C-alpha atoms as a PDB file:
ATOM      1  CA  MET A   1       0.225   0.126   0.085  1.00  0.00           C
ATOM      2  CA  ILE A   2       1.096   3.356  -0.778  1.00  0.00           C
ATOM      3  CA  GLU A   3       1.683   5.990   2.160  1.00  0.00           C
ATOM      4  CA  LYS A   4       3.461   8.849   0.325  1.00  0.00           C
ATOM      5  CA  ILE A   5       3.752   9.722  -3.003  1.00  0.00           C
ATOM      6  CA  GLY A   6       5.436  13.329  -4.470  1.00  0.00           C
ATOM      7  CA  LYS A   7       8.872  13.692  -6.480  1.00  0.00           C
ATOM      8  CA  TRP A   8      12.421  13.318  -4.848  1.00  0.00           C
ATOM      9  CA  TRP A   9      14.945  16.056  -5.325  1.00  0.00           C
ATOM     10  CA  GLY A  10      18.326  16.187  -3.000  1.00  0.00           C
ATOM     11  CA  GLY A  11      21.414  15.047  -2.621  1.00  0.00           C
ATOM     12  CA  ASN A  12      23.157  11.558  -3.937  1.00  0.00           C
ATOM     13  CA  SER A  13      25.709  10.380  -1.594  1.00  0.00           C
ATOM     14  CA  LYS A  14      27.445   8.278  -4.241  1.00  0.00           C
ATOM     15  CA  THR A  15      27.981  10.282  -6.673  1.00  0.00           C
ATOM     16  CA  LYS A  16      28.176  13.721  -4.392  1.00  0.00           C
ATOM     17  CA  LYS A  17      25.578  15.249  -7.020  1.00  0.00           C
ATOM     18  CA  GLN A  18      22.015  16.280  -6.828  1.00  0.00           C
ATOM     19  CA  GLU A  19      19.546  14.121  -8.248  1.00  0.00           C
ATOM     20  CA  GLU A  20      16.165  14.079  -9.356  1.00  0.00           C
ATOM     21  CA  ILE A  21      13.288  11.481  -9.258  1.00  0.00           C
ATOM     22  CA  ASP A  22       9.818  12.696 -11.244  1.00  0.00           C
ATOM     23  CA  ILE A  23       8.029  10.172  -9.157  1.00  0.00           C
ATOM     24  CA  VAL A  24       8.397   8.076  -6.008  1.00  0.00           C
ATOM     25  CA  ALA A  25       5.646   6.420  -3.958  1.00  0.00           C
ATOM     26  CA  ILE A  26       6.830   4.566  -0.923  1.00  0.00           C
ATOM     27  CA  GLY A  27       5.088   1.690   0.983  1.00  0.00           C
ATOM     28  CA  GLU A  28       6.329  -0.012   4.526  1.00  0.00           C
ATOM     29  CA  ASP A  29       8.639  -1.973   2.167  1.00  0.00           C
ATOM     30  CA  SER A  30       8.369  -1.060  -0.983  1.00  0.00           C
ATOM     31  CA  ILE A  31       9.111   1.761  -3.702  1.00  0.00           C
ATOM     32  CA  ILE A  32       7.998   2.794  -7.284  1.00  0.00           C
ATOM     33  CA  LEU A  33      10.389   5.338  -8.851  1.00  0.00           C
ATOM     34  CA  GLY A  34       9.280   7.208 -11.980  1.00  0.00           C
ATOM     35  CA  GLU A  35      10.951   8.895 -14.967  1.00  0.00           C
ATOM     36  CA  CYS A  36       8.974  10.929 -17.473  1.00  0.00           C
ATOM     37  CA  LYS A  37       9.638  11.729 -20.780  1.00  0.00           C
ATOM     38  CA  TYR A  38       7.697  13.938 -22.712  1.00  0.00           C
ATOM     39  CA  ARG A  39       9.328  14.016 -26.612  1.00  0.00           C
ATOM     40  CA  LYS A  40       8.727  12.480 -30.069  1.00  0.00           C
ATOM     41  CA  GLU A  41      12.164   9.988 -29.714  1.00  0.00           C
ATOM     42  CA  LYS A  42      11.505   6.699 -28.192  1.00  0.00           C
ATOM     43  CA  THR A  43      13.440   6.493 -25.062  1.00  0.00           C
ATOM     44  CA  ASP A  44      16.059   4.128 -25.215  1.00  0.00           C
ATOM     45  CA  ILE A  45      17.292   2.007 -22.124  1.00  0.00           C
ATOM     46  CA  ASP A  46      19.859   4.522 -20.621  1.00  0.00           C
ATOM     47  CA  ILE A  47      17.008   6.388 -19.056  1.00  0.00           C
ATOM     48  CA  LEU A  48      16.073   3.180 -17.433  1.00  0.00           C
ATOM     49  CA  GLU A  49      19.940   2.385 -16.314  1.00  0.00           C
ATOM     50  CA  ASP A  50      19.662   6.422 -15.066  1.00  0.00           C
ATOM     51  CA  LEU A  51      16.583   5.845 -12.820  1.00  0.00           C
ATOM     52  CA  ILE A  52      18.203   2.610 -11.561  1.00  0.00           C
ATOM     53  CA  ARG A  53      21.633   4.281 -10.444  1.00  0.00           C
ATOM     54  CA  LYS A  54      19.286   6.792  -8.696  1.00  0.00           C
ATOM     55  CA  GLY A  55      17.245   4.467  -6.932  1.00  0.00           C
ATOM     56  CA  GLU A  56      20.687   3.078  -5.293  1.00  0.00           C
ATOM     57  CA  ILE A  57      19.961   5.327  -2.319  1.00  0.00           C
ATOM     58  CA  PHE A  58      16.708   4.084  -1.413  1.00  0.00           C
ATOM     59  CA  ASN A  59      16.889   1.355   1.045  1.00  0.00           C
ATOM     60  CA  TYR A  60      13.686  -0.807   0.313  1.00  0.00           C
ATOM     61  CA  LYS A  61      12.840  -4.455  -0.265  1.00  0.00           C
ATOM     62  CA  ASN A  62      11.022  -3.956  -3.275  1.00  0.00           C
ATOM     63  CA  LYS A  63      12.016  -1.670  -5.843  1.00  0.00           C
ATOM     64  CA  TYR A  64       9.537  -0.882  -9.057  1.00  0.00           C
ATOM     65  CA  TYR A  65      10.625   1.319 -11.825  1.00  0.00           C
ATOM     66  CA  TYR A  66       7.972   3.105 -14.035  1.00  0.00           C
ATOM     67  CA  ILE A  67       9.272   5.215 -16.791  1.00  0.00           C
ATOM     68  CA  PHE A  68       6.581   7.200 -18.979  1.00  0.00           C
ATOM     69  CA  SER A  69       7.060   8.185 -22.629  1.00  0.00           C
ATOM     70  CA  LYS A  70       5.372  10.065 -25.155  1.00  0.00           C
ATOM     71  CA  GLY A  71       7.443   8.605 -28.121  1.00  0.00           C
ATOM     72  CA  GLY A  72       7.379   4.929 -27.285  1.00  0.00           C
ATOM     73  CA  PHE A  73      10.214   2.604 -26.343  1.00  0.00           C
ATOM     74  CA  THR A  74      12.984   1.576 -28.083  1.00  0.00           C
ATOM     75  CA  ILE A  75      13.296  -2.709 -29.127  1.00  0.00           C
ATOM     76  CA  LYS A  76      16.172  -3.069 -26.467  1.00  0.00           C
ATOM     77  CA  LEU A  77      14.851  -1.428 -23.801  1.00  0.00           C
ATOM     78  CA  GLN A  78      11.147  -3.064 -24.087  1.00  0.00           C
ATOM     79  CA  ARG A  79      12.813  -6.683 -24.323  1.00  0.00           C
ATOM     80  CA  TYR A  80      14.559  -5.600 -20.800  1.00  0.00           C
ATOM     81  CA  ALA A  81      11.339  -4.632 -19.495  1.00  0.00           C
ATOM     82  CA  GLU A  82       9.488  -8.017 -20.429  1.00  0.00           C
ATOM     83  CA  GLN A  83      12.188  -9.540 -18.475  1.00  0.00           C
ATOM     84  CA  ASN A  84      11.934  -7.743 -15.465  1.00  0.00           C
ATOM     85  CA  ASP A  85       9.206  -7.685 -13.252  1.00  0.00           C
ATOM     86  CA  ASN A  86       9.701  -4.735 -11.635  1.00  0.00           C
ATOM     87  CA  ILE A  87       9.881  -2.524 -14.690  1.00  0.00           C
ATOM     88  CA  ARG A  88       6.631  -0.831 -16.199  1.00  0.00           C
ATOM     89  CA  LEU A  89       6.751   0.736 -19.681  1.00  0.00           C
ATOM     90  CA  VAL A  90       3.843   3.447 -20.183  1.00  0.00           C
ATOM     91  CA  GLU A  91       3.437   4.739 -23.580  1.00  0.00           C
ATOM     92  CA  ASP A  92      -0.330   5.743 -23.184  1.00  0.00           C
ATOM     93  CA  ILE A  93      -0.168   8.940 -21.344  1.00  0.00           C
ATOM     94  CA  ILE A  94      -3.171  11.069 -21.152  1.00  0.00           C
ATOM     95  CA  ILE A  95      -2.322  15.419 -21.823  1.00  0.00           C
ATOM     96  CA  GLY A  96      -4.508  18.175 -21.596  1.00  0.00           C
ATOM     97  CA  VAL A  97      -7.381  19.181 -19.882  1.00  0.00           C
ATOM     98  CA  ASP A  98      -9.635  18.815 -23.033  1.00  0.00           C
ATOM     99  CA  ASP A  99      -8.607  15.263 -24.104  1.00  0.00           C
ATOM    100  CA  LYS A 100     -11.625  12.974 -23.739  1.00  0.00           C
ATOM    101  CA  ILE A 101     -11.427   9.813 -21.609  1.00  0.00           C
END
């Protein structure tokens, strides 16, 4: 069950850099980390690798990674996600208040 949701921005003690994660949802022993890409190009695996790297600073038993992309995903990223139950790729993004559901 999700207890808190929002975005995260702060220092990474491993890289000594500021990091930002678009979506963070936490529960008792689980965390969801999400990245949003609003661009025409397909999102590649490097975005997932970066999100996983950023997520290393969080100490949760279960980690789930969500990538939202307007432009879709490369075959390489799709295949990787298919082999990992904790990765979700979301292409159907509702945009604008005038869109009909």
